[in-house]
């Protein structure tokens, strides 16, 4: 007797994930996730974990903002902006202590800066 499991992928909730900022964040997070296993061992579970958590935090705040009214949206976007700044800071520290290589740091930084511009534009449009 054989048991066959059928795995049906979940479809994302409508609306939230079609935002270009979410798509870009998802792409850069996937890139980071490829880099994390090669992160220096002495920093992987401290600094690497912090960077990972900040990535997820930014994504979470953007998704919250996308389904909120204008007043709440601005609050969530400002929180996302602070988390994005922290993410940039901790990635720079990772690069400075050589836990993250030059090419990887440059690629992540360019993509995160682009996301920062998108986020800043969104915040500005709500003021």
PDB file of N, CA and C in Angstrom:
ATOM      1  N   UNK A   1       0.841  -1.174   0.000  1.00  0.00           N
ATOM      2  CA  UNK A   1       0.000   0.000   0.000  1.00  0.00           C
ATOM      3  C   UNK A   1       0.891   1.244   0.000  1.00  0.00           C
ATOM      4  N   UNK A   2       0.590   2.167  -0.880  1.00  0.00           N
ATOM      5  CA  UNK A   2       1.344   3.407  -0.990  1.00  0.00           C
ATOM      6  C   UNK A   2       0.471   4.585  -0.591  1.00  0.00           C
ATOM      7  N   UNK A   3       1.092   5.507   0.103  1.00  0.00           N
ATOM      8  CA  UNK A   3       0.401   6.741   0.459  1.00  0.00           C
ATOM      9  C   UNK A   3       0.999   7.852  -0.391  1.00  0.00           C
ATOM     10  N   UNK A   4       0.136   8.544  -1.086  1.00  0.00           N
ATOM     11  CA  UNK A   4       0.580   9.630  -1.950  1.00  0.00           C
ATOM     12  C   UNK A   4       0.098  10.949  -1.362  1.00  0.00           C
ATOM     13  N   UNK A   5       1.040  11.836  -1.147  1.00  0.00           N
ATOM     14  CA  UNK A   5       0.691  13.165  -0.648  1.00  0.00           C
ATOM     15  C   UNK A   5       0.704  14.136  -1.814  1.00  0.00           C
ATOM     16  N   UNK A   6      -0.329  14.909  -1.899  1.00  0.00           N
ATOM     17  CA  UNK A   6      -0.400  15.937  -2.928  1.00  0.00           C
ATOM     18  C   UNK A   6      -0.201  17.283  -2.243  1.00  0.00           C
ATOM     19  N   UNK A   7       0.775  18.006  -2.716  1.00  0.00           N
ATOM     20  CA  UNK A   7       1.070  19.315  -2.135  1.00  0.00           C
ATOM     21  C   UNK A   7       0.503  20.384  -3.060  1.00  0.00           C
ATOM     22  N   UNK A   8      -0.400  21.159  -2.513  1.00  0.00           N
ATOM     23  CA  UNK A   8      -1.005  22.249  -3.272  1.00  0.00           C
ATOM     24  C   UNK A   8      -0.413  23.555  -2.753  1.00  0.00           C
ATOM     25  N   UNK A   9       0.291  24.293  -3.629  1.00  0.00           N
ATOM     26  CA  UNK A   9       0.895  25.547  -3.156  1.00  0.00           C
ATOM     27  C   UNK A   9      -0.173  26.575  -2.809  1.00  0.00           C
ATOM     28  N   UNK A  10       0.114  27.339  -1.773  1.00  0.00           N
ATOM     29  CA  UNK A  10      -0.792  28.407  -1.373  1.00  0.00           C
ATOM     30  C   UNK A  10      -0.649  29.576  -2.333  1.00  0.00           C
ATOM     31  N   UNK A  11      -1.752  30.158  -2.688  1.00  0.00           N
ATOM     32  CA  UNK A  11      -1.667  31.361  -3.515  1.00  0.00           C
ATOM     33  C   UNK A  11      -1.627  32.568  -2.580  1.00  0.00           C
ATOM     34  N   UNK A  12      -0.846  33.583  -2.935  1.00  0.00           N
ATOM     35  CA  UNK A  12      -0.727  34.748  -2.051  1.00  0.00           C
ATOM     36  C   UNK A  12      -2.043  35.509  -1.965  1.00  0.00           C
ATOM     37  N   UNK A  13      -2.263  36.192  -0.858  1.00  0.00           N
ATOM     38  CA  UNK A  13      -3.456  37.022  -0.745  1.00  0.00           C
ATOM     39  C   UNK A  13      -3.465  38.077  -1.848  1.00  0.00           C
ATOM     40  N   UNK A  14      -4.643  38.436  -2.342  1.00  0.00           N
ATOM     41  CA  UNK A  14      -4.695  39.401  -3.441  1.00  0.00           C
ATOM     42  C   UNK A  14      -4.193  40.784  -3.029  1.00  0.00           C
ATOM     43  N   UNK A  15      -3.581  41.464  -3.972  1.00  0.00           N
ATOM     44  CA  UNK A  15      -3.207  42.857  -3.755  1.00  0.00           C
ATOM     45  C   UNK A  15      -1.828  43.098  -3.198  1.00  0.00           C
ATOM     46  N   UNK A  16      -1.540  42.571  -2.025  1.00  0.00           N
ATOM     47  CA  UNK A  16      -0.308  42.921  -1.309  1.00  0.00           C
ATOM     48  C   UNK A  16       0.959  42.615  -2.095  1.00  0.00           C
ATOM     49  N   UNK A  17       1.008  41.466  -2.715  1.00  0.00           N
ATOM     50  CA  UNK A  17       2.256  41.004  -3.292  1.00  0.00           C
ATOM     51  C   UNK A  17       2.469  41.479  -4.720  1.00  0.00           C
ATOM     52  N   UNK A  18       1.495  42.223  -5.253  1.00  0.00           N
ATOM     53  CA  UNK A  18       1.679  42.765  -6.591  1.00  0.00           C
ATOM     54  C   UNK A  18       2.410  44.108  -6.550  1.00  0.00           C
ATOM     55  N   UNK A  19       2.585  44.672  -5.358  1.00  0.00           N
ATOM     56  CA  UNK A  19       3.326  45.925  -5.229  1.00  0.00           C
ATOM     57  C   UNK A  19       4.770  45.710  -5.662  1.00  0.00           C
ATOM     58  N   UNK A  20       5.287  46.622  -6.474  1.00  0.00           N
ATOM     59  CA  UNK A  20       6.651  46.443  -6.969  1.00  0.00           C
ATOM     60  C   UNK A  20       7.678  46.482  -5.838  1.00  0.00           C
ATOM     61  N   UNK A  21       7.413  47.242  -4.776  1.00  0.00           N
ATOM     62  CA  UNK A  21       8.359  47.294  -3.657  1.00  0.00           C
ATOM     63  C   UNK A  21       8.423  45.938  -2.950  1.00  0.00           C
ATOM     64  N   UNK A  22       7.291  45.257  -2.842  1.00  0.00           N
ATOM     65  CA  UNK A  22       7.278  43.920  -2.227  1.00  0.00           C
ATOM     66  C   UNK A  22       8.040  42.943  -3.113  1.00  0.00           C
ATOM     67  N   UNK A  23       7.842  43.050  -4.413  1.00  0.00           N
ATOM     68  CA  UNK A  23       8.556  42.163  -5.332  1.00  0.00           C
ATOM     69  C   UNK A  23      10.063  42.373  -5.236  1.00  0.00           C
ATOM     70  N   UNK A  24      10.492  43.630  -5.183  1.00  0.00           N
ATOM     71  CA  UNK A  24      11.926  43.921  -5.071  1.00  0.00           C
ATOM     72  C   UNK A  24      12.487  43.450  -3.729  1.00  0.00           C
ATOM     73  N   UNK A  25      11.731  43.669  -2.660  1.00  0.00           N
ATOM     74  CA  UNK A  25      12.161  43.199  -1.340  1.00  0.00           C
ATOM     75  C   UNK A  25      12.289  41.682  -1.321  1.00  0.00           C
ATOM     76  N   UNK A  26      11.343  41.012  -1.941  1.00  0.00           N
ATOM     77  CA  UNK A  26      11.380  39.549  -1.997  1.00  0.00           C
ATOM     78  C   UNK A  26      12.611  39.077  -2.761  1.00  0.00           C
ATOM     79  N   UNK A  27      12.910  39.724  -3.878  1.00  0.00           N
ATOM     80  CA  UNK A  27      14.088  39.357  -4.668  1.00  0.00           C
ATOM     81  C   UNK A  27      15.379  39.545  -3.877  1.00  0.00           C
ATOM     82  N   UNK A  28      15.505  40.690  -3.217  1.00  0.00           N
ATOM     83  CA  UNK A  28      16.746  40.956  -2.479  1.00  0.00           C
ATOM     84  C   UNK A  28      16.836  40.055  -1.246  1.00  0.00           C
ATOM     85  N   UNK A  29      15.698  39.722  -0.638  1.00  0.00           N
ATOM     86  CA  UNK A  29      15.732  38.796   0.499  1.00  0.00           C
ATOM     87  C   UNK A  29      16.183  37.415   0.043  1.00  0.00           C
ATOM     88  N   UNK A  30      15.717  36.967  -1.104  1.00  0.00           N
ATOM     89  CA  UNK A  30      16.148  35.663  -1.634  1.00  0.00           C
ATOM     90  C   UNK A  30      17.652  35.665  -1.897  1.00  0.00           C
ATOM     91  N   UNK A  31      18.149  36.781  -2.419  1.00  0.00           N
ATOM     92  CA  UNK A  31      19.587  36.917  -2.648  1.00  0.00           C
ATOM     93  C   UNK A  31      20.343  36.830  -1.321  1.00  0.00           C
ATOM     94  N   UNK A  32      19.866  37.573  -0.318  1.00  0.00           N
ATOM     95  CA  UNK A  32      20.474  37.523   1.016  1.00  0.00           C
ATOM     96  C   UNK A  32      20.449  36.091   1.550  1.00  0.00           C
ATOM     97  N   UNK A  33      19.344  35.411   1.357  1.00  0.00           N
ATOM     98  CA  UNK A  33      19.190  34.051   1.874  1.00  0.00           C
ATOM     99  C   UNK A  33      20.197  33.096   1.237  1.00  0.00           C
ATOM    100  N   UNK A  34      20.595  33.374  -0.006  1.00  0.00           N
ATOM    101  CA  UNK A  34      21.653  32.587  -0.648  1.00  0.00           C
ATOM    102  C   UNK A  34      23.009  32.877  -0.005  1.00  0.00           C
ATOM    103  N   UNK A  35      23.214  34.122   0.425  1.00  0.00           N
ATOM    104  CA  UNK A  35      24.497  34.530   0.999  1.00  0.00           C
ATOM    105  C   UNK A  35      24.669  34.081   2.447  1.00  0.00           C
ATOM    106  N   UNK A  36      23.582  33.974   3.176  1.00  0.00           N
ATOM    107  CA  UNK A  36      23.651  33.702   4.613  1.00  0.00           C
ATOM    108  C   UNK A  36      24.433  32.435   4.972  1.00  0.00           C
ATOM    109  N   UNK A  37      24.257  31.303   4.268  1.00  0.00           N
ATOM    110  CA  UNK A  37      25.043  30.113   4.641  1.00  0.00           C
ATOM    111  C   UNK A  37      26.552  30.306   4.508  1.00  0.00           C
ATOM    112  N   UNK A  38      26.975  31.245   3.676  1.00  0.00           N
ATOM    113  CA  UNK A  38      28.406  31.511   3.488  1.00  0.00           C
ATOM    114  C   UNK A  38      28.916  32.646   4.365  1.00  0.00           C
ATOM    115  N   UNK A  39      28.035  33.187   5.171  1.00  0.00           N
ATOM    116  CA  UNK A  39      28.385  34.248   6.112  1.00  0.00           C
ATOM    117  C   UNK A  39      29.404  33.683   7.100  1.00  0.00           C
ATOM    118  N   UNK A  40      30.349  34.489   7.547  1.00  0.00           N
ATOM    119  CA  UNK A  40      31.365  34.019   8.497  1.00  0.00           C
ATOM    120  C   UNK A  40      30.696  33.352   9.700  1.00  0.00           C
ATOM    121  N   UNK A  41      31.189  32.178  10.065  1.00  0.00           N
ATOM    122  CA  UNK A  41      30.552  31.395  11.134  1.00  0.00           C
ATOM    123  C   UNK A  41      30.439  32.143  12.453  1.00  0.00           C
ATOM    124  N   UNK A  42      31.452  32.935  12.775  1.00  0.00           N
ATOM    125  CA  UNK A  42      31.421  33.632  14.062  1.00  0.00           C
ATOM    126  C   UNK A  42      30.363  34.734  14.111  1.00  0.00           C
ATOM    127  N   UNK A  43      29.791  35.089  12.958  1.00  0.00           N
ATOM    128  CA  UNK A  43      28.766  36.140  12.921  1.00  0.00           C
ATOM    129  C   UNK A  43      27.417  35.663  12.385  1.00  0.00           C
ATOM    130  N   UNK A  44      27.368  34.451  11.874  1.00  0.00           N
ATOM    131  CA  UNK A  44      26.157  33.973  11.200  1.00  0.00           C
ATOM    132  C   UNK A  44      24.926  33.987  12.098  1.00  0.00           C
ATOM    133  N   UNK A  45      25.093  33.581  13.342  1.00  0.00           N
ATOM    134  CA  UNK A  45      23.933  33.447  14.235  1.00  0.00           C
ATOM    135  C   UNK A  45      23.702  34.679  15.105  1.00  0.00           C
ATOM    136  N   UNK A  46      24.522  35.685  14.928  1.00  0.00           N
ATOM    137  CA  UNK A  46      24.315  36.948  15.651  1.00  0.00           C
ATOM    138  C   UNK A  46      23.971  38.029  14.630  1.00  0.00           C
ATOM    139  N   UNK A  47      24.973  38.536  13.968  1.00  0.00           N
ATOM    140  CA  UNK A  47      24.785  39.596  12.985  1.00  0.00           C
ATOM    141  C   UNK A  47      23.963  39.114  11.785  1.00  0.00           C
ATOM    142  N   UNK A  48      24.257  37.926  11.309  1.00  0.00           N
ATOM    143  CA  UNK A  48      23.500  37.369  10.182  1.00  0.00           C
ATOM    144  C   UNK A  48      22.031  37.209  10.512  1.00  0.00           C
ATOM    145  N   UNK A  49      21.762  36.741  11.712  1.00  0.00           N
ATOM    146  CA  UNK A  49      20.382  36.582  12.168  1.00  0.00           C
ATOM    147  C   UNK A  49      19.684  37.932  12.298  1.00  0.00           C
ATOM    148  N   UNK A  50      20.411  38.934  12.770  1.00  0.00           N
ATOM    149  CA  UNK A  50      19.858  40.286  12.910  1.00  0.00           C
ATOM    150  C   UNK A  50      19.481  40.856  11.543  1.00  0.00           C
ATOM    151  N   UNK A  51      20.363  40.709  10.572  1.00  0.00           N
ATOM    152  CA  UNK A  51      20.096  41.189   9.217  1.00  0.00           C
ATOM    153  C   UNK A  51      18.876  40.469   8.644  1.00  0.00           C
ATOM    154  N   UNK A  52      18.820  39.166   8.828  1.00  0.00           N
ATOM    155  CA  UNK A  52      17.693  38.373   8.345  1.00  0.00           C
ATOM    156  C   UNK A  52      16.384  38.861   8.959  1.00  0.00           C
ATOM    157  N   UNK A  53      16.404  39.089  10.252  1.00  0.00           N
ATOM    158  CA  UNK A  53      15.224  39.565  10.970  1.00  0.00           C
ATOM    159  C   UNK A  53      14.780  40.944  10.474  1.00  0.00           C
ATOM    160  N   UNK A  54      15.737  41.816  10.203  1.00  0.00           N
ATOM    161  CA  UNK A  54      15.401  43.150   9.699  1.00  0.00           C
ATOM    162  C   UNK A  54      14.790  43.087   8.300  1.00  0.00           C
ATOM    163  N   UNK A  55      15.321  42.224   7.447  1.00  0.00           N
ATOM    164  CA  UNK A  55      14.720  42.032   6.124  1.00  0.00           C
ATOM    165  C   UNK A  55      13.245  41.659   6.267  1.00  0.00           C
ATOM    166  N   UNK A  56      12.990  40.661   7.102  1.00  0.00           N
ATOM    167  CA  UNK A  56      11.615  40.198   7.296  1.00  0.00           C
ATOM    168  C   UNK A  56      10.750  41.278   7.931  1.00  0.00           C
ATOM    169  N   UNK A  57      11.337  42.061   8.830  1.00  0.00           N
ATOM    170  CA  UNK A  57      10.604  43.152   9.466  1.00  0.00           C
ATOM    171  C   UNK A  57      10.183  44.223   8.469  1.00  0.00           C
ATOM    172  N   UNK A  58      11.065  44.563   7.540  1.00  0.00           N
ATOM    173  CA  UNK A  58      10.732  45.559   6.518  1.00  0.00           C
ATOM    174  C   UNK A  58       9.589  45.036   5.645  1.00  0.00           C
ATOM    175  N   UNK A  59       9.699  43.784   5.225  1.00  0.00           N
ATOM    176  CA  UNK A  59       8.642  43.180   4.407  1.00  0.00           C
ATOM    177  C   UNK A  59       7.314  43.203   5.155  1.00  0.00           C
ATOM    178  N   UNK A  60       7.352  42.842   6.426  1.00  0.00           N
ATOM    179  CA  UNK A  60       6.137  42.812   7.241  1.00  0.00           C
ATOM    180  C   UNK A  60       5.488  44.197   7.331  1.00  0.00           C
ATOM    181  N   UNK A  61       6.272  45.225   7.585  1.00  0.00           N
ATOM    182  CA  UNK A  61       5.721  46.580   7.714  1.00  0.00           C
ATOM    183  C   UNK A  61       5.147  47.087   6.386  1.00  0.00           C
ATOM    184  N   UNK A  62       5.779  46.741   5.280  1.00  0.00           N
ATOM    185  CA  UNK A  62       5.279  47.152   3.964  1.00  0.00           C
ATOM    186  C   UNK A  62       3.937  46.475   3.679  1.00  0.00           C
ATOM    187  N   UNK A  63       3.836  45.203   4.020  1.00  0.00           N
ATOM    188  CA  UNK A  63       2.568  44.494   3.812  1.00  0.00           C
ATOM    189  C   UNK A  63       1.479  45.085   4.699  1.00  0.00           C
ATOM    190  N   UNK A  64       1.815  45.409   5.944  1.00  0.00           N
ATOM    191  CA  UNK A  64       0.837  46.060   6.828  1.00  0.00           C
ATOM    192  C   UNK A  64       0.385  47.388   6.228  1.00  0.00           C
ATOM    193  N   UNK A  65       1.337  48.159   5.722  1.00  0.00           N
ATOM    194  CA  UNK A  65       1.013  49.469   5.143  1.00  0.00           C
ATOM    195  C   UNK A  65       0.108  49.334   3.926  1.00  0.00           C
ATOM    196  N   UNK A  66       0.338  48.296   3.142  1.00  0.00           N
ATOM    197  CA  UNK A  66      -0.428  48.149   1.903  1.00  0.00           C
ATOM    198  C   UNK A  66      -1.907  47.884   2.145  1.00  0.00           C
ATOM    199  N   UNK A  67      -2.249  47.434   3.344  1.00  0.00           N
ATOM    200  CA  UNK A  67      -3.659  47.142   3.624  1.00  0.00           C
ATOM    201  C   UNK A  67      -4.234  48.062   4.701  1.00  0.00           C
ATOM    202  N   UNK A  68      -3.600  49.207   4.906  1.00  0.00           N
ATOM    203  CA  UNK A  68      -4.040  50.135   5.955  1.00  0.00           C
ATOM    204  C   UNK A  68      -4.583  51.421   5.348  1.00  0.00           C
ATOM    205  N   UNK A  69      -5.306  52.168   6.190  1.00  0.00           N
ATOM    206  CA  UNK A  69      -5.762  53.485   5.740  1.00  0.00           C
ATOM    207  C   UNK A  69      -4.579  54.456   5.765  1.00  0.00           C
ATOM    208  N   UNK A  70      -4.784  55.653   5.244  1.00  0.00           N
ATOM    209  CA  UNK A  70      -3.680  56.603   5.045  1.00  0.00           C
ATOM    210  C   UNK A  70      -2.912  56.917   6.326  1.00  0.00           C
ATOM    211  N   UNK A  71      -3.612  57.120   7.439  1.00  0.00           N
ATOM    212  CA  UNK A  71      -2.947  57.470   8.697  1.00  0.00           C
ATOM    213  C   UNK A  71      -2.065  56.328   9.190  1.00  0.00           C
ATOM    214  N   UNK A  72      -2.634  55.131   9.228  1.00  0.00           N
ATOM    215  CA  UNK A  72      -1.858  53.967   9.675  1.00  0.00           C
ATOM    216  C   UNK A  72      -0.755  53.637   8.682  1.00  0.00           C
ATOM    217  N   UNK A  73      -1.046  53.818   7.403  1.00  0.00           N
ATOM    218  CA  UNK A  73      -0.076  53.504   6.352  1.00  0.00           C
ATOM    219  C   UNK A  73       1.227  54.270   6.590  1.00  0.00           C
ATOM    220  N   UNK A  74       1.113  55.552   6.902  1.00  0.00           N
ATOM    221  CA  UNK A  74       2.288  56.388   7.130  1.00  0.00           C
ATOM    222  C   UNK A  74       3.102  55.883   8.324  1.00  0.00           C
ATOM    223  N   UNK A  75       2.423  55.455   9.371  1.00  0.00           N
ATOM    224  CA  UNK A  75       3.111  54.917  10.556  1.00  0.00           C
ATOM    225  C   UNK A  75       3.902  53.666  10.179  1.00  0.00           C
ATOM    226  N   UNK A  76       3.249  52.730   9.480  1.00  0.00           N
ATOM    227  CA  UNK A  76       3.924  51.490   9.089  1.00  0.00           C
ATOM    228  C   UNK A  76       5.095  51.759   8.145  1.00  0.00           C
ATOM    229  N   UNK A  77       4.922  52.714   7.241  1.00  0.00           N
ATOM    230  CA  UNK A  77       5.995  53.032   6.297  1.00  0.00           C
ATOM    231  C   UNK A  77       7.190  53.671   6.996  1.00  0.00           C
ATOM    232  N   UNK A  78       6.928  54.504   7.998  1.00  0.00           N
ATOM    233  CA  UNK A  78       8.036  55.104   8.754  1.00  0.00           C
ATOM    234  C   UNK A  78       8.790  54.038   9.549  1.00  0.00           C
ATOM    235  N   UNK A  79       8.064  53.081  10.114  1.00  0.00           N
ATOM    236  CA  UNK A  79       8.715  51.971  10.823  1.00  0.00           C
ATOM    237  C   UNK A  79       9.560  51.169   9.838  1.00  0.00           C
ATOM    238  N   UNK A  80       9.007  50.908   8.656  1.00  0.00           N
ATOM    239  CA  UNK A  80       9.749  50.175   7.625  1.00  0.00           C
ATOM    240  C   UNK A  80      11.013  50.934   7.232  1.00  0.00           C
ATOM    241  N   UNK A  81      10.914  52.252   7.149  1.00  0.00           N
ATOM    242  CA  UNK A  81      12.061  53.077   6.782  1.00  0.00           C
ATOM    243  C   UNK A  81      13.175  52.986   7.827  1.00  0.00           C
ATOM    244  N   UNK A  82      12.804  53.023   9.091  1.00  0.00           N
ATOM    245  CA  UNK A  82      13.797  52.896  10.171  1.00  0.00           C
ATOM    246  C   UNK A  82      14.451  51.514  10.111  1.00  0.00           C
ATOM    247  N   UNK A  83      13.640  50.480   9.903  1.00  0.00           N
ATOM    248  CA  UNK A  83      14.195  49.122   9.820  1.00  0.00           C
ATOM    249  C   UNK A  83      15.115  48.980   8.613  1.00  0.00           C
ATOM    250  N   UNK A  84      14.761  49.642   7.517  1.00  0.00           N
ATOM    251  CA  UNK A  84      15.613  49.598   6.334  1.00  0.00           C
ATOM    252  C   UNK A  84      16.950  50.289   6.606  1.00  0.00           C
ATOM    253  N   UNK A  85      16.920  51.407   7.330  1.00  0.00           N
ATOM    254  CA  UNK A  85      18.166  52.087   7.713  1.00  0.00           C
ATOM    255  C   UNK A  85      19.024  51.199   8.618  1.00  0.00           C
ATOM    256  N   UNK A  86      18.384  50.521   9.554  1.00  0.00           N
ATOM    257  CA  UNK A  86      19.116  49.588  10.420  1.00  0.00           C
ATOM    258  C   UNK A  86      19.712  48.443   9.601  1.00  0.00           C
ATOM    259  N   UNK A  87      18.952  47.965   8.643  1.00  0.00           N
ATOM    260  CA  UNK A  87      19.426  46.898   7.766  1.00  0.00           C
ATOM    261  C   UNK A  87      20.685  47.341   7.021  1.00  0.00           C
ATOM    262  N   UNK A  88      20.654  48.546   6.468  1.00  0.00           N
ATOM    263  CA  UNK A  88      21.834  49.084   5.777  1.00  0.00           C
ATOM    264  C   UNK A  88      23.032  49.155   6.721  1.00  0.00           C
ATOM    265  N   UNK A  89      22.783  49.616   7.939  1.00  0.00           N
ATOM    266  CA  UNK A  89      23.850  49.747   8.929  1.00  0.00           C
ATOM    267  C   UNK A  89      24.478  48.387   9.253  1.00  0.00           C
ATOM    268  N   UNK A  90      23.641  47.395   9.535  1.00  0.00           N
ATOM    269  CA  UNK A  90      24.166  46.082   9.910  1.00  0.00           C
ATOM    270  C   UNK A  90      24.821  45.359   8.734  1.00  0.00           C
ATOM    271  N   UNK A  91      24.351  45.612   7.520  1.00  0.00           N
ATOM    272  CA  UNK A  91      25.039  45.054   6.355  1.00  0.00           C
ATOM    273  C   UNK A  91      26.419  45.685   6.199  1.00  0.00           C
ATOM    274  N   UNK A  92      26.512  46.989   6.458  1.00  0.00           N
ATOM    275  CA  UNK A  92      27.807  47.661   6.374  1.00  0.00           C
ATOM    276  C   UNK A  92      28.769  47.103   7.423  1.00  0.00           C
ATOM    277  N   UNK A  93      28.277  46.907   8.632  1.00  0.00           N
ATOM    278  CA  UNK A  93      29.112  46.311   9.688  1.00  0.00           C
ATOM    279  C   UNK A  93      29.583  44.921   9.245  1.00  0.00           C
ATOM    280  N   UNK A  94      28.666  44.145   8.664  1.00  0.00           N
ATOM    281  CA  UNK A  94      29.011  42.800   8.187  1.00  0.00           C
ATOM    282  C   UNK A  94      30.137  42.854   7.163  1.00  0.00           C
ATOM    283  N   UNK A  95      30.065  43.831   6.284  1.00  0.00           N
ATOM    284  CA  UNK A  95      31.100  43.993   5.270  1.00  0.00           C
ATOM    285  C   UNK A  95      32.418  44.446   5.909  1.00  0.00           C
ATOM    286  N   UNK A  96      32.333  45.397   6.849  1.00  0.00           N
ATOM    287  CA  UNK A  96      33.540  45.924   7.489  1.00  0.00           C
ATOM    288  C   UNK A  96      34.299  44.858   8.275  1.00  0.00           C
ATOM    289  N   UNK A  97      33.579  43.926   8.886  1.00  0.00           N
ATOM    290  CA  UNK A  97      34.263  42.869   9.644  1.00  0.00           C
ATOM    291  C   UNK A  97      34.539  41.642   8.774  1.00  0.00           C
ATOM    292  N   UNK A  98      34.276  41.795   7.479  1.00  0.00           N
ATOM    293  CA  UNK A  98      34.581  40.778   6.473  1.00  0.00           C
ATOM    294  C   UNK A  98      33.749  39.498   6.604  1.00  0.00           C
ATOM    295  N   UNK A  99      32.567  39.638   7.164  1.00  0.00           N
ATOM    296  CA  UNK A  99      31.640  38.509   7.178  1.00  0.00           C
ATOM    297  C   UNK A  99      30.890  38.428   5.851  1.00  0.00           C
ATOM    298  N   UNK A 100      30.892  39.531   5.125  1.00  0.00           N
ATOM    299  CA  UNK A 100      30.213  39.629   3.836  1.00  0.00           C
ATOM    300  C   UNK A 100      31.208  40.199   2.834  1.00  0.00           C
ATOM    301  N   UNK A 101      31.377  39.512   1.718  1.00  0.00           N
ATOM    302  CA  UNK A 101      32.342  39.937   0.707  1.00  0.00           C
ATOM    303  C   UNK A 101      31.944  41.214  -0.021  1.00  0.00           C
ATOM    304  N   UNK A 102      32.925  41.821  -0.690  1.00  0.00           N
ATOM    305  CA  UNK A 102      32.714  43.086  -1.401  1.00  0.00           C
ATOM    306  C   UNK A 102      31.591  43.015  -2.431  1.00  0.00           C
ATOM    307  N   UNK A 103      31.654  42.027  -3.316  1.00  0.00           N
ATOM    308  CA  UNK A 103      30.667  41.926  -4.394  1.00  0.00           C
ATOM    309  C   UNK A 103      29.262  41.721  -3.842  1.00  0.00           C
ATOM    310  N   UNK A 104      29.158  40.877  -2.844  1.00  0.00           N
ATOM    311  CA  UNK A 104      27.850  40.607  -2.239  1.00  0.00           C
ATOM    312  C   UNK A 104      27.311  41.860  -1.555  1.00  0.00           C
ATOM    313  N   UNK A 105      28.180  42.563  -0.863  1.00  0.00           N
ATOM    314  CA  UNK A 105      27.777  43.792  -0.174  1.00  0.00           C
ATOM    315  C   UNK A 105      27.311  44.848  -1.179  1.00  0.00           C
ATOM    316  N   UNK A 106      28.064  45.017  -2.247  1.00  0.00           N
ATOM    317  CA  UNK A 106      27.709  46.019  -3.260  1.00  0.00           C
ATOM    318  C   UNK A 106      26.367  45.685  -3.898  1.00  0.00           C
ATOM    319  N   UNK A 107      26.176  44.431  -4.259  1.00  0.00           N
ATOM    320  CA  UNK A 107      24.926  44.023  -4.897  1.00  0.00           C
ATOM    321  C   UNK A 107      23.728  44.230  -3.973  1.00  0.00           C
ATOM    322  N   UNK A 108      23.863  43.802  -2.725  1.00  0.00           N
ATOM    323  CA  UNK A 108      22.774  43.997  -1.758  1.00  0.00           C
ATOM    324  C   UNK A 108      22.514  45.483  -1.521  1.00  0.00           C
ATOM    325  N   UNK A 109      23.575  46.256  -1.367  1.00  0.00           N
ATOM    326  CA  UNK A 109      23.435  47.691  -1.086  1.00  0.00           C
ATOM    327  C   UNK A 109      22.723  48.427  -2.209  1.00  0.00           C
ATOM    328  N   UNK A 110      23.083  48.109  -3.443  1.00  0.00           N
ATOM    329  CA  UNK A 110      22.437  48.769  -4.581  1.00  0.00           C
ATOM    330  C   UNK A 110      20.938  48.497  -4.588  1.00  0.00           C
ATOM    331  N   UNK A 111      20.579  47.248  -4.371  1.00  0.00           N
ATOM    332  CA  UNK A 111      19.163  46.873  -4.386  1.00  0.00           C
ATOM    333  C   UNK A 111      18.411  47.488  -3.201  1.00  0.00           C
ATOM    334  N   UNK A 112      19.043  47.520  -2.049  1.00  0.00           N
ATOM    335  CA  UNK A 112      18.399  48.094  -0.863  1.00  0.00           C
ATOM    336  C   UNK A 112      18.257  49.610  -1.007  1.00  0.00           C
ATOM    337  N   UNK A 113      19.240  50.263  -1.612  1.00  0.00           N
ATOM    338  CA  UNK A 113      19.126  51.706  -1.852  1.00  0.00           C
ATOM    339  C   UNK A 113      17.967  52.018  -2.796  1.00  0.00           C
ATOM    340  N   UNK A 114      17.775  51.179  -3.800  1.00  0.00           N
ATOM    341  CA  UNK A 114      16.651  51.353  -4.722  1.00  0.00           C
ATOM    342  C   UNK A 114      15.321  51.209  -3.972  1.00  0.00           C
ATOM    343  N   UNK A 115      15.248  50.227  -3.094  1.00  0.00           N
ATOM    344  CA  UNK A 115      14.047  50.024  -2.276  1.00  0.00           C
ATOM    345  C   UNK A 115      13.826  51.234  -1.372  1.00  0.00           C
ATOM    346  N   UNK A 116      14.906  51.772  -0.818  1.00  0.00           N
ATOM    347  CA  UNK A 116      14.810  52.962   0.029  1.00  0.00           C
ATOM    348  C   UNK A 116      14.228  54.155  -0.715  1.00  0.00           C
ATOM    349  N   UNK A 117      14.611  54.320  -1.975  1.00  0.00           N
ATOM    350  CA  UNK A 117      14.065  55.413  -2.785  1.00  0.00           C
ATOM    351  C   UNK A 117      12.575  55.205  -3.032  1.00  0.00           C
ATOM    352  N   UNK A 118      12.195  53.970  -3.300  1.00  0.00           N
ATOM    353  CA  UNK A 118      10.774  53.665  -3.512  1.00  0.00           C
ATOM    354  C   UNK A 118       9.977  53.942  -2.240  1.00  0.00           C
ATOM    355  N   UNK A 119      10.517  53.512  -1.119  1.00  0.00           N
ATOM    356  CA  UNK A 119       9.853  53.708   0.167  1.00  0.00           C
ATOM    357  C   UNK A 119       9.750  55.196   0.496  1.00  0.00           C
ATOM    358  N   UNK A 120      10.824  55.929   0.279  1.00  0.00           N
ATOM    359  CA  UNK A 120      10.815  57.370   0.519  1.00  0.00           C
ATOM    360  C   UNK A 120       9.793  58.090  -0.347  1.00  0.00           C
ATOM    361  N   UNK A 121       9.682  57.676  -1.601  1.00  0.00           N
ATOM    362  CA  UNK A 121       8.689  58.264  -2.496  1.00  0.00           C
ATOM    363  C   UNK A 121       7.270  57.989  -2.041  1.00  0.00           C
ATOM    364  N   UNK A 122       7.045  56.780  -1.547  1.00  0.00           N
ATOM    365  CA  UNK A 122       5.722  56.402  -1.054  1.00  0.00           C
ATOM    366  C   UNK A 122       5.363  57.250   0.172  1.00  0.00           C
ATOM    367  N   UNK A 123       6.322  57.395   1.080  1.00  0.00           N
ATOM    368  CA  UNK A 123       6.096  58.210   2.287  1.00  0.00           C
ATOM    369  C   UNK A 123       5.811  59.659   1.889  1.00  0.00           C
ATOM    370  N   UNK A 124       6.604  60.191   0.975  1.00  0.00           N
ATOM    371  CA  UNK A 124       6.435  61.582   0.535  1.00  0.00           C
ATOM    372  C   UNK A 124       5.056  61.798  -0.098  1.00  0.00           C
ATOM    373  N   UNK A 125       4.577  60.807  -0.831  1.00  0.00           N
ATOM    374  CA  UNK A 125       3.273  60.945  -1.494  1.00  0.00           C
ATOM    375  C   UNK A 125       2.110  60.990  -0.504  1.00  0.00           C
ATOM    376  N   UNK A 126       2.338  60.494   0.715  1.00  0.00           N
ATOM    377  CA  UNK A 126       1.275  60.465   1.727  1.00  0.00           C
ATOM    378  C   UNK A 126       1.248  61.714   2.597  1.00  0.00           C
ATOM    379  N   UNK A 127       2.293  62.527   2.531  1.00  0.00           N
ATOM    380  CA  UNK A 127       2.370  63.723   3.391  1.00  0.00           C
ATOM    381  C   UNK A 127       1.643  64.891   2.770  1.00  0.00           C
TER     382      UNK A 127
END
